[in-house]
């Protein structure tokens, strides 16, 4: 006998929205040169790389959350885990 289960609440769309960074589009212009030290430039590069890595990790978590939500919904409705929703190996 199948037990009636209430529906899961709708997941807010904001939780499924991935993030992107705008590409650099600035073009050098004559007369716009600015001098900065190598250590400042190196830190700017490092912080940019960290920001890109953070967005990539966030997008991976958003995708994993979407998969988890789909599996949870299917298990909730059918009582069984569909293929592809197996528990990860410890």
Protein backbone atom coordinates (compact mmCIF):
# COMPACT_ATOMS: atom_id res chain seq x y z
CA UNK A 1 0.00 0.00 0.00
CA UNK A 2 1.40 3.37 -1.04
CA UNK A 3 1.40 6.09 1.58
CA UNK A 4 0.34 9.52 0.43
CA UNK A 5 3.10 11.99 0.99
CA UNK A 6 2.79 15.74 0.97
CA UNK A 7 4.66 17.57 -1.79
CA UNK A 8 8.02 19.09 -1.04
CA UNK A 9 8.03 22.86 -0.99
CA UNK A 10 9.15 24.56 -4.18
CA UNK A 11 12.83 25.37 -4.20
CA UNK A 12 13.44 29.10 -4.63
CA UNK A 13 14.85 29.90 -8.08
CA UNK A 14 17.61 31.92 -6.44
CA UNK A 15 19.11 28.68 -5.09
CA UNK A 16 19.52 27.31 -8.62
CA UNK A 17 21.00 30.42 -10.25
CA UNK A 18 24.66 30.03 -11.15
CA UNK A 19 27.10 32.92 -10.99
CA UNK A 20 29.42 34.20 -13.68
CA UNK A 21 32.15 36.78 -13.79
CA UNK A 22 32.30 39.41 -16.50
CA UNK A 23 35.36 39.04 -18.73
CA UNK A 24 37.99 41.75 -18.79
CA UNK A 25 37.20 44.05 -21.72
CA UNK A 26 39.34 47.09 -21.00
CA UNK A 27 41.61 48.14 -23.84
CA UNK A 28 44.84 50.01 -23.16
CA UNK A 29 44.83 53.60 -24.47
CA UNK A 30 47.82 55.84 -25.06
CA UNK A 31 48.27 58.17 -22.11
CA UNK A 32 46.40 55.90 -19.65
CA UNK A 33 49.50 54.15 -18.33
CA UNK A 34 49.75 53.75 -14.57
CA UNK A 35 52.69 52.33 -12.69
CA UNK A 36 52.20 49.85 -9.85
CA UNK A 37 54.66 47.64 -8.05
CA UNK A 38 55.05 43.98 -8.95
CA UNK A 39 53.87 42.92 -5.51
CA UNK A 40 50.61 44.87 -5.93
CA UNK A 41 50.12 43.42 -9.42
CA UNK A 42 50.83 39.92 -8.11
CA UNK A 43 48.26 40.36 -5.36
CA UNK A 44 45.68 41.63 -7.88
CA UNK A 45 46.25 38.51 -9.97
CA UNK A 46 46.03 36.29 -6.90
CA UNK A 47 42.77 37.86 -5.70
CA UNK A 48 41.26 37.60 -9.19
CA UNK A 49 42.16 33.91 -9.32
CA UNK A 50 40.62 33.40 -5.87
CA UNK A 51 37.39 35.11 -6.98
CA UNK A 52 37.18 32.93 -10.08
CA UNK A 53 37.80 29.82 -7.98
CA UNK A 54 35.09 30.87 -5.52
CA UNK A 55 32.56 31.26 -8.34
CA UNK A 56 33.52 27.84 -9.74
CA UNK A 57 33.09 26.22 -6.32
CA UNK A 58 29.76 27.99 -5.82
CA UNK A 59 28.50 26.77 -9.20
CA UNK A 60 29.56 23.20 -8.33
CA UNK A 61 27.61 23.43 -5.04
CA UNK A 62 24.56 24.79 -6.86
CA UNK A 63 24.64 21.89 -9.34
CA UNK A 64 25.09 19.35 -6.52
CA UNK A 65 22.21 20.95 -4.61
CA UNK A 66 20.00 20.63 -7.71
CA UNK A 67 20.83 16.94 -8.05
CA UNK A 68 20.20 16.34 -4.37
CA UNK A 69 16.88 18.16 -4.58
CA UNK A 70 15.81 16.08 -7.61
CA UNK A 71 16.78 12.83 -5.91
CA UNK A 72 15.05 13.82 -2.67
CA UNK A 73 11.89 14.71 -4.57
CA UNK A 74 11.91 11.41 -6.47
CA UNK A 75 12.49 9.41 -3.28
CA UNK A 76 9.75 11.36 -1.52
CA UNK A 77 7.25 10.66 -4.33
CA UNK A 78 8.13 7.04 -5.16
CA UNK A 79 9.74 5.80 -1.96
CA UNK A 80 12.80 4.59 -3.93
CA UNK A 81 16.01 6.16 -5.13
CA UNK A 82 16.08 6.41 -8.93
CA UNK A 83 19.19 5.33 -10.88
CA UNK A 84 21.92 7.90 -10.53
CA UNK A 85 20.89 8.82 -7.00
CA UNK A 86 22.89 6.19 -5.17
CA UNK A 87 24.63 7.15 -1.96
CA UNK A 88 28.26 8.11 -2.45
CA UNK A 89 30.84 5.60 -1.29
CA UNK A 90 32.29 6.42 2.15
